[in-house]
Amino acid sequence: MKKLIFGITILSVLASCKSNKDENTKLTFDMWTEDVQNIVVNEEGIIRGMELGMPGSQIDKELAKQEVKEDNYAYFQADLNAAEFFDIEYFMVEDTLKKVEIEIYPSNDSRTPQLLVELESYFENKFGASMQGFDDFKIWNVKNSRGKNVTVGVRYEIPVTANEVSKVKIKAELTEW
């Protein structure tokens, strides 16, 4: 019996050491796939180098590509690669970036799970373990560099009509939690 308890204790210690090592080992941005790099842009901020809560005037470089721009909203489309694209929407309140939504349109339904796993892995690496959120989003509640609460979510979206393909949605917004 003592050997069994000793063995379980040793296994527990080894398991906790392994998980601590994994938690402290983060991949650098250049180690992620080209798809993740094209969507996320860089590891600064929450997404695309943006920090939610930043003044809208600070995101002018990104918004220079917009197709639609209104006082509190901007939209543009970008190529992921030769066959795939994604939409980006920025929502502002009183010239402050409050929410970013990205919808990625894979070339076929078999690509969607791959992109989803890549993006979930990226955010897990950046923010730690996720939670299951509302509406099938896998979410991370984090603080931005300004100390504000931010929720980042990723989910798989099933086609609604026969002529649509599945897509991956990323949503990041300032929240109260």
C-alpha atoms as a PDB file:
ATOM      1  CA  MET A   1       0.000   0.000   0.000  1.00  0.00           C
ATOM      2  CA  LYS A   2       2.859   2.371   0.859  1.00  0.00           C
ATOM      3  CA  LYS A   3       4.435   1.673  -2.548  1.00  0.00           C
ATOM      4  CA  LEU A   4       1.142   2.511  -4.279  1.00  0.00           C
ATOM      5  CA  ILE A   5       0.791   5.810  -2.398  1.00  0.00           C
ATOM      6  CA  PHE A   6       4.462   6.635  -3.066  1.00  0.00           C
ATOM      7  CA  GLY A   7       3.994   5.840  -6.780  1.00  0.00           C
ATOM      8  CA  ILE A   8       0.879   8.025  -7.048  1.00  0.00           C
ATOM      9  CA  THR A   9       2.694  10.862  -5.244  1.00  0.00           C
ATOM     10  CA  ILE A  10       5.658  10.653  -7.648  1.00  0.00           C
ATOM     11  CA  LEU A  11       3.336  10.605 -10.680  1.00  0.00           C
ATOM     12  CA  SER A  12       1.457  13.645  -9.349  1.00  0.00           C
ATOM     13  CA  VAL A  13       4.693  15.581  -8.847  1.00  0.00           C
ATOM     14  CA  LEU A  14       5.927  14.666 -12.332  1.00  0.00           C
ATOM     15  CA  ALA A  15       2.595  15.622 -13.902  1.00  0.00           C
ATOM     16  CA  SER A  16       2.552  19.001 -12.165  1.00  0.00           C
ATOM     17  CA  CYS A  17       6.143  19.715 -13.250  1.00  0.00           C
ATOM     18  CA  LYS A  18       5.279  18.872 -16.854  1.00  0.00           C
ATOM     19  CA  SER A  19       2.195  21.119 -16.901  1.00  0.00           C
ATOM     20  CA  ASN A  20       4.131  24.032 -15.373  1.00  0.00           C
ATOM     21  CA  LYS A  21       6.812  23.633 -18.020  1.00  0.00           C
ATOM     22  CA  ASP A  22       4.174  23.593 -20.789  1.00  0.00           C
ATOM     23  CA  GLU A  23       2.474  26.708 -19.373  1.00  0.00           C
ATOM     24  CA  ASN A  24       5.760  28.621 -19.369  1.00  0.00           C
ATOM     25  CA  THR A  25       6.790  27.551 -22.879  1.00  0.00           C
ATOM     26  CA  LYS A  26       5.222  29.964 -25.357  1.00  0.00           C
ATOM     27  CA  LEU A  27       5.708  29.840 -29.090  1.00  0.00           C
ATOM     28  CA  THR A  28       7.042  32.974 -30.759  1.00  0.00           C
ATOM     29  CA  PHE A  29       4.874  34.642 -33.397  1.00  0.00           C
ATOM     30  CA  ASP A  30       7.046  33.531 -36.318  1.00  0.00           C
ATOM     31  CA  MET A  31       6.487  29.873 -35.358  1.00  0.00           C
ATOM     32  CA  TRP A  32       2.747  30.080 -36.191  1.00  0.00           C
ATOM     33  CA  THR A  33       1.354  29.160 -39.604  1.00  0.00           C
ATOM     34  CA  GLU A  34       1.250  31.722 -42.368  1.00  0.00           C
ATOM     35  CA  ASP A  35      -2.563  31.746 -42.088  1.00  0.00           C
ATOM     36  CA  VAL A  36      -2.449  32.702 -38.402  1.00  0.00           C
ATOM     37  CA  GLN A  37       0.173  35.367 -39.114  1.00  0.00           C
ATOM     38  CA  ASN A  38      -1.928  36.851 -41.948  1.00  0.00           C
ATOM     39  CA  ILE A  39      -5.030  37.033 -39.751  1.00  0.00           C
ATOM     40  CA  VAL A  40      -3.443  38.169 -36.485  1.00  0.00           C
ATOM     41  CA  VAL A  41      -0.717  40.354 -38.162  1.00  0.00           C
ATOM     42  CA  ASN A  42       1.527  40.595 -35.076  1.00  0.00           C
ATOM     43  CA  GLU A  43       1.514  39.662 -31.434  1.00  0.00           C
ATOM     44  CA  GLU A  44       1.118  43.221 -30.189  1.00  0.00           C
ATOM     45  CA  GLY A  45      -2.243  44.106 -28.686  1.00  0.00           C
ATOM     46  CA  ILE A  46      -5.194  41.755 -28.729  1.00  0.00           C
ATOM     47  CA  ILE A  47      -5.623  41.215 -32.497  1.00  0.00           C
ATOM     48  CA  ARG A  48      -4.031  42.687 -35.636  1.00  0.00           C
ATOM     49  CA  GLY A  49      -1.722  44.811 -33.494  1.00  0.00           C
ATOM     50  CA  MET A  50      -4.758  46.629 -32.082  1.00  0.00           C
ATOM     51  CA  GLU A  51      -5.562  47.254 -28.464  1.00  0.00           C
ATOM     52  CA  LEU A  52      -9.231  47.520 -27.619  1.00  0.00           C
ATOM     53  CA  GLY A  53      -9.893  50.827 -25.891  1.00  0.00           C
ATOM     54  CA  MET A  54      -7.354  52.658 -28.040  1.00  0.00           C
ATOM     55  CA  PRO A  55      -8.408  55.907 -29.766  1.00  0.00           C
ATOM     56  CA  GLY A  56      -9.849  55.389 -33.246  1.00  0.00           C
ATOM     57  CA  SER A  57      -7.282  57.844 -34.626  1.00  0.00           C
ATOM     58  CA  GLN A  58      -4.503  55.369 -33.729  1.00  0.00           C
ATOM     59  CA  ILE A  59      -5.898  52.706 -36.054  1.00  0.00           C
ATOM     60  CA  ASP A  60      -5.816  54.855 -39.193  1.00  0.00           C
ATOM     61  CA  LYS A  61      -3.058  52.751 -40.823  1.00  0.00           C
ATOM     62  CA  GLU A  62      -5.221  49.641 -40.662  1.00  0.00           C
ATOM     63  CA  LEU A  63      -8.324  51.601 -41.625  1.00  0.00           C
ATOM     64  CA  ALA A  64      -6.588  53.027 -44.703  1.00  0.00           C
ATOM     65  CA  LYS A  65      -7.551  49.720 -46.391  1.00  0.00           C
ATOM     66  CA  GLN A  66     -11.232  49.970 -45.458  1.00  0.00           C
ATOM     67  CA  GLU A  67     -13.959  49.606 -48.017  1.00  0.00           C
ATOM     68  CA  VAL A  68     -16.624  51.153 -45.800  1.00  0.00           C
ATOM     69  CA  LYS A  69     -16.012  53.749 -43.128  1.00  0.00           C
ATOM     70  CA  GLU A  70     -18.547  55.585 -41.057  1.00  0.00           C
ATOM     71  CA  ASP A  71     -18.159  57.535 -37.829  1.00  0.00           C
ATOM     72  CA  ASN A  72     -18.228  54.502 -35.553  1.00  0.00           C
ATOM     73  CA  TYR A  73     -17.691  51.615 -37.968  1.00  0.00           C
ATOM     74  CA  ALA A  74     -15.135  50.427 -40.506  1.00  0.00           C
ATOM     75  CA  TYR A  75     -15.035  47.328 -42.708  1.00  0.00           C
ATOM     76  CA  PHE A  76     -12.593  45.833 -45.154  1.00  0.00           C
ATOM     77  CA  GLN A  77     -11.768  42.534 -46.769  1.00  0.00           C
ATOM     78  CA  ALA A  78      -8.301  40.984 -46.942  1.00  0.00           C
ATOM     79  CA  ASP A  79      -6.816  37.969 -48.701  1.00  0.00           C
ATOM     80  CA  LEU A  80      -5.712  35.101 -46.518  1.00  0.00           C
ATOM     81  CA  ASN A  81      -4.074  33.418 -49.503  1.00  0.00           C
ATOM     82  CA  ALA A  82      -4.826  33.042 -53.223  1.00  0.00           C
ATOM     83  CA  ALA A  83      -8.074  31.107 -52.612  1.00  0.00           C
ATOM     84  CA  GLU A  84      -9.329  32.411 -49.250  1.00  0.00           C
ATOM     85  CA  PHE A  85     -10.241  35.735 -47.676  1.00  0.00           C
ATOM     86  CA  PHE A  86     -11.531  37.278 -44.467  1.00  0.00           C
ATOM     87  CA  ASP A  87     -13.675  40.250 -43.464  1.00  0.00           C
ATOM     88  CA  ILE A  88     -12.683  42.617 -40.677  1.00  0.00           C
ATOM     89  CA  GLU A  89     -15.090  44.925 -38.885  1.00  0.00           C
ATOM     90  CA  TYR A  90     -14.104  47.606 -36.360  1.00  0.00           C
ATOM     91  CA  PHE A  91     -16.722  49.082 -34.034  1.00  0.00           C
ATOM     92  CA  MET A  92     -16.006  52.329 -32.193  1.00  0.00           C
ATOM     93  CA  VAL A  93     -17.861  54.332 -29.570  1.00  0.00           C
ATOM     94  CA  GLU A  94     -16.878  57.965 -29.084  1.00  0.00           C
ATOM     95  CA  ASP A  95     -13.695  57.429 -31.156  1.00  0.00           C
ATOM     96  CA  THR A  96     -12.631  54.446 -29.004  1.00  0.00           C
ATOM     97  CA  LEU A  97     -12.158  50.962 -30.471  1.00  0.00           C
ATOM     98  CA  LYS A  98     -14.643  48.733 -28.609  1.00  0.00           C
ATOM     99  CA  LYS A  99     -14.942  45.615 -30.761  1.00  0.00           C
ATOM    100  CA  VAL A 100     -13.237  43.796 -33.644  1.00  0.00           C
ATOM    101  CA  GLU A 101     -14.919  40.969 -35.555  1.00  0.00           C
ATOM    102  CA  ILE A 102     -13.170  38.818 -38.152  1.00  0.00           C
ATOM    103  CA  GLU A 103     -14.905  36.241 -40.332  1.00  0.00           C
ATOM    104  CA  ILE A 104     -12.620  33.862 -42.220  1.00  0.00           C
ATOM    105  CA  TYR A 105     -13.970  32.166 -45.345  1.00  0.00           C
ATOM    106  CA  PRO A 106     -12.050  28.957 -46.114  1.00  0.00           C
ATOM    107  CA  SER A 107     -12.023  27.616 -49.668  1.00  0.00           C
ATOM    108  CA  ASN A 108     -13.924  24.499 -48.562  1.00  0.00           C
ATOM    109  CA  ASP A 109     -15.543  22.996 -45.474  1.00  0.00           C
ATOM    110  CA  SER A 110     -12.619  20.679 -44.774  1.00  0.00           C
ATOM    111  CA  ARG A 111     -10.311  23.696 -44.201  1.00  0.00           C
ATOM    112  CA  THR A 112     -12.517  25.253 -41.527  1.00  0.00           C
ATOM    113  CA  PRO A 113     -11.597  22.873 -38.663  1.00  0.00           C
ATOM    114  CA  GLN A 114      -7.899  23.291 -39.490  1.00  0.00           C
ATOM    115  CA  LEU A 115      -8.113  27.096 -39.276  1.00  0.00           C
ATOM    116  CA  LEU A 116     -10.197  26.864 -36.115  1.00  0.00           C
ATOM    117  CA  VAL A 117      -7.623  24.648 -34.377  1.00  0.00           C
ATOM    118  CA  GLU A 118      -4.742  26.901 -35.493  1.00  0.00           C
ATOM    119  CA  LEU A 119      -6.446  30.029 -34.132  1.00  0.00           C
ATOM    120  CA  GLU A 120      -7.581  28.373 -30.903  1.00  0.00           C
ATOM    121  CA  SER A 121      -4.014  27.150 -30.375  1.00  0.00           C
ATOM    122  CA  TYR A 122      -2.636  30.643 -31.017  1.00  0.00           C
ATOM    123  CA  PHE A 123      -4.977  32.240 -28.466  1.00  0.00           C
ATOM    124  CA  GLU A 124      -4.353  29.441 -25.919  1.00  0.00           C
ATOM    125  CA  ASN A 125      -0.630  30.083 -26.326  1.00  0.00           C
ATOM    126  CA  LYS A 126      -1.131  33.837 -25.926  1.00  0.00           C
ATOM    127  CA  PHE A 127      -3.788  33.935 -23.184  1.00  0.00           C
ATOM    128  CA  GLY A 128      -3.794  30.504 -21.509  1.00  0.00           C
ATOM    129  CA  ALA A 129      -6.684  28.086 -21.086  1.00  0.00           C
ATOM    130  CA  SER A 130     -10.038  29.003 -22.610  1.00  0.00           C
ATOM    131  CA  MET A 131     -13.596  28.587 -21.358  1.00  0.00           C
ATOM    132  CA  GLN A 132     -16.727  27.572 -23.205  1.00  0.00           C
ATOM    133  CA  GLY A 133     -18.682  30.734 -23.786  1.00  0.00           C
ATOM    134  CA  PHE A 134     -22.081  31.748 -25.029  1.00  0.00           C
ATOM    135  CA  ASP A 135     -23.172  30.766 -28.546  1.00  0.00           C
ATOM    136  CA  ASP A 136     -20.463  28.082 -28.988  1.00  0.00           C
ATOM    137  CA  PHE A 137     -17.570  30.526 -28.666  1.00  0.00           C
ATOM    138  CA  LYS A 138     -14.384  29.313 -27.004  1.00  0.00           C
ATOM    139  CA  ILE A 139     -13.461  32.411 -24.986  1.00  0.00           C
ATOM    140  CA  TRP A 140     -10.604  34.012 -23.101  1.00  0.00           C
ATOM    141  CA  ASN A 141     -11.216  36.797 -20.579  1.00  0.00           C
ATOM    142  CA  VAL A 142      -8.050  38.884 -20.410  1.00  0.00           C
ATOM    143  CA  LYS A 143      -6.824  42.357 -19.495  1.00  0.00           C
ATOM    144  CA  ASN A 144      -5.413  44.562 -22.218  1.00  0.00           C
ATOM    145  CA  SER A 145      -2.337  46.746 -21.733  1.00  0.00           C
ATOM    146  CA  ARG A 146      -4.602  49.538 -20.469  1.00  0.00           C
ATOM    147  CA  GLY A 147      -6.002  47.282 -17.719  1.00  0.00           C
ATOM    148  CA  LYS A 148      -9.413  46.997 -19.385  1.00  0.00           C
ATOM    149  CA  ASN A 149     -11.395  43.755 -19.477  1.00  0.00           C
ATOM    150  CA  VAL A 150     -11.438  42.129 -22.920  1.00  0.00           C
ATOM    151  CA  THR A 151     -13.180  38.980 -24.092  1.00  0.00           C
ATOM    152  CA  VAL A 152     -11.730  37.191 -27.106  1.00  0.00           C
ATOM    153  CA  GLY A 153     -13.752  34.415 -28.716  1.00  0.00           C
ATOM    154  CA  VAL A 154     -13.321  31.960 -31.581  1.00  0.00           C
ATOM    155  CA  ARG A 155     -15.984  29.680 -33.055  1.00  0.00           C
ATOM    156  CA  TYR A 156     -16.894  27.496 -36.010  1.00  0.00           C
ATOM    157  CA  GLU A 157     -19.907  28.745 -37.971  1.00  0.00           C
ATOM    158  CA  ILE A 158     -22.007  26.229 -39.859  1.00  0.00           C
ATOM    159  CA  PRO A 159     -23.398  27.281 -43.265  1.00  0.00           C
ATOM    160  CA  VAL A 160     -26.953  28.586 -43.143  1.00  0.00           C
ATOM    161  CA  THR A 161     -27.758  28.091 -46.831  1.00  0.00           C
ATOM    162  CA  ALA A 162     -26.718  25.460 -49.370  1.00  0.00           C
ATOM    163  CA  ASN A 163     -24.421  27.839 -51.290  1.00  0.00           C
ATOM    164  CA  GLU A 164     -22.369  28.857 -48.217  1.00  0.00           C
ATOM    165  CA  VAL A 165     -19.287  27.200 -46.780  1.00  0.00           C
ATOM    166  CA  SER A 166     -18.500  27.023 -43.092  1.00  0.00           C
ATOM    167  CA  LYS A 167     -16.402  29.817 -41.621  1.00  0.00           C
ATOM    168  CA  VAL A 168     -14.405  30.729 -38.552  1.00  0.00           C
ATOM    169  CA  LYS A 169     -15.341  33.808 -36.544  1.00  0.00           C
ATOM    170  CA  ILE A 170     -13.100  35.737 -34.151  1.00  0.00           C
ATOM    171  CA  LYS A 171     -14.662  38.325 -31.897  1.00  0.00           C
ATOM    172  CA  ALA A 172     -12.774  40.590 -29.480  1.00  0.00           C
ATOM    173  CA  GLU A 173     -14.530  43.245 -27.429  1.00  0.00           C
ATOM    174  CA  LEU A 174     -14.252  45.349 -24.324  1.00  0.00           C
ATOM    175  CA  THR A 175     -16.510  43.752 -21.737  1.00  0.00           C
ATOM    176  CA  GLU A 176     -17.625  43.895 -18.138  1.00  0.00           C
ATOM    177  CA  TRP A 177     -16.860  40.622 -16.350  1.00  0.00           C
END
